[in-house]
Amino acid sequence: MSDETPDAGPLADLWGRAETAWAMSDFPEYGSPAWDALDESDPRKLAAMLSAAEKWHQATGGDPWGSA
């Protein structure tokens, strides 16, 4: 096991850019051909996944486990 702390910089950068794309609705629909064509490092790909997750969350009543 390594004692080194991983560099969170690239992930934090991707997350920040994805949040901006999500807020601006600047991304293709999750699972669409346009989404599939995006590079894995494109923040719009993550933004589309976040949007799809939020739509699912709302469609299921906001609690995916059905807890009271």
Protein backbone atom coordinates (compact mmCIF):
# COMPACT_ATOMS: atom_id res chain seq x y z
CA MET A 1 0.00 0.00 0.00
CA SER A 2 1.33 3.43 -0.90
CA ASP A 3 1.53 6.27 1.61
CA GLU A 4 1.30 8.81 -1.20
CA THR A 5 -1.77 10.98 -1.43
CA PRO A 6 -3.20 11.01 -4.95
CA ASP A 7 -3.28 14.34 -6.78
CA ALA A 8 -6.90 15.50 -6.69
CA GLY A 9 -6.15 18.44 -9.00
CA PRO A 10 -7.26 16.85 -12.30
CA LEU A 11 -10.44 15.42 -10.77
CA ALA A 12 -11.28 18.69 -9.03
CA ASP A 13 -10.73 20.53 -12.32
CA LEU A 14 -12.97 18.12 -14.26
CA TRP A 15 -15.67 18.34 -11.58
CA GLY A 16 -15.59 22.14 -11.61
CA ARG A 17 -15.85 22.32 -15.40
CA ALA A 18 -18.65 19.73 -15.38
CA GLU A 19 -20.60 21.79 -12.84
CA THR A 20 -20.27 24.83 -15.10
CA ALA A 21 -21.45 22.88 -18.15
CA TRP A 22 -24.35 21.46 -16.14
CA ALA A 23 -25.40 24.89 -14.86
CA MET A 24 -25.34 26.26 -18.41
CA SER A 25 -27.11 23.17 -19.85
CA ASP A 26 -24.19 22.86 -22.25
CA PHE A 27 -24.13 19.10 -22.77
CA PRO A 28 -25.80 16.43 -24.94
CA GLU A 29 -28.40 14.05 -23.56
CA TYR A 30 -26.91 11.16 -21.59
CA GLY A 31 -26.58 8.05 -23.74
CA SER A 32 -27.15 9.89 -27.04
CA PRO A 33 -24.77 9.47 -29.98
CA ALA A 34 -23.45 12.99 -29.30
CA TRP A 35 -22.76 12.05 -25.68
CA ASP A 36 -21.09 8.81 -26.73
CA ALA A 37 -18.83 10.71 -29.14
CA LEU A 38 -17.47 12.93 -26.34
CA ASP A 39 -14.01 12.14 -25.03
CA GLU A 40 -13.99 10.58 -21.56
CA SER A 41 -12.18 13.65 -20.23
CA ASP A 42 -14.78 16.08 -21.60
CA PRO A 43 -16.61 17.70 -18.66
CA ARG A 44 -19.84 17.75 -20.68
CA LYS A 45 -19.90 13.95 -20.47
CA LEU A 46 -19.90 14.11 -16.66
CA ALA A 47 -22.45 16.96 -16.72
CA ALA A 48 -24.83 14.79 -18.76
CA MET A 49 -24.41 11.95 -16.27
CA LEU A 50 -25.13 14.31 -13.37
CA SER A 51 -28.25 15.58 -15.16
CA ALA A 52 -29.50 12.05 -15.83
CA ALA A 53 -28.89 11.11 -12.19
CA GLU A 54 -30.84 14.15 -11.00
CA LYS A 55 -33.75 13.34 -13.34
CA TRP A 56 -33.80 9.77 -12.02
CA HIS A 57 -33.64 11.06 -8.45
CA GLN A 58 -36.65 13.31 -9.05
CA ALA A 59 -38.60 10.62 -10.93
CA THR A 60 -38.20 8.17 -8.04
CA GLY A 61 -39.42 10.63 -5.46
CA GLY A 62 -35.98 11.75 -4.37
CA ASP A 63 -35.11 8.66 -2.32
CA PRO A 64 -33.62 5.80 -4.35
CA TRP A 65 -33.77 3.40 -1.39
CA GLY A 66 -37.34 4.18 -0.36
CA SER A 67 -36.38 5.09 3.18
CA ALA A 68 -38.86 6.97 5.33
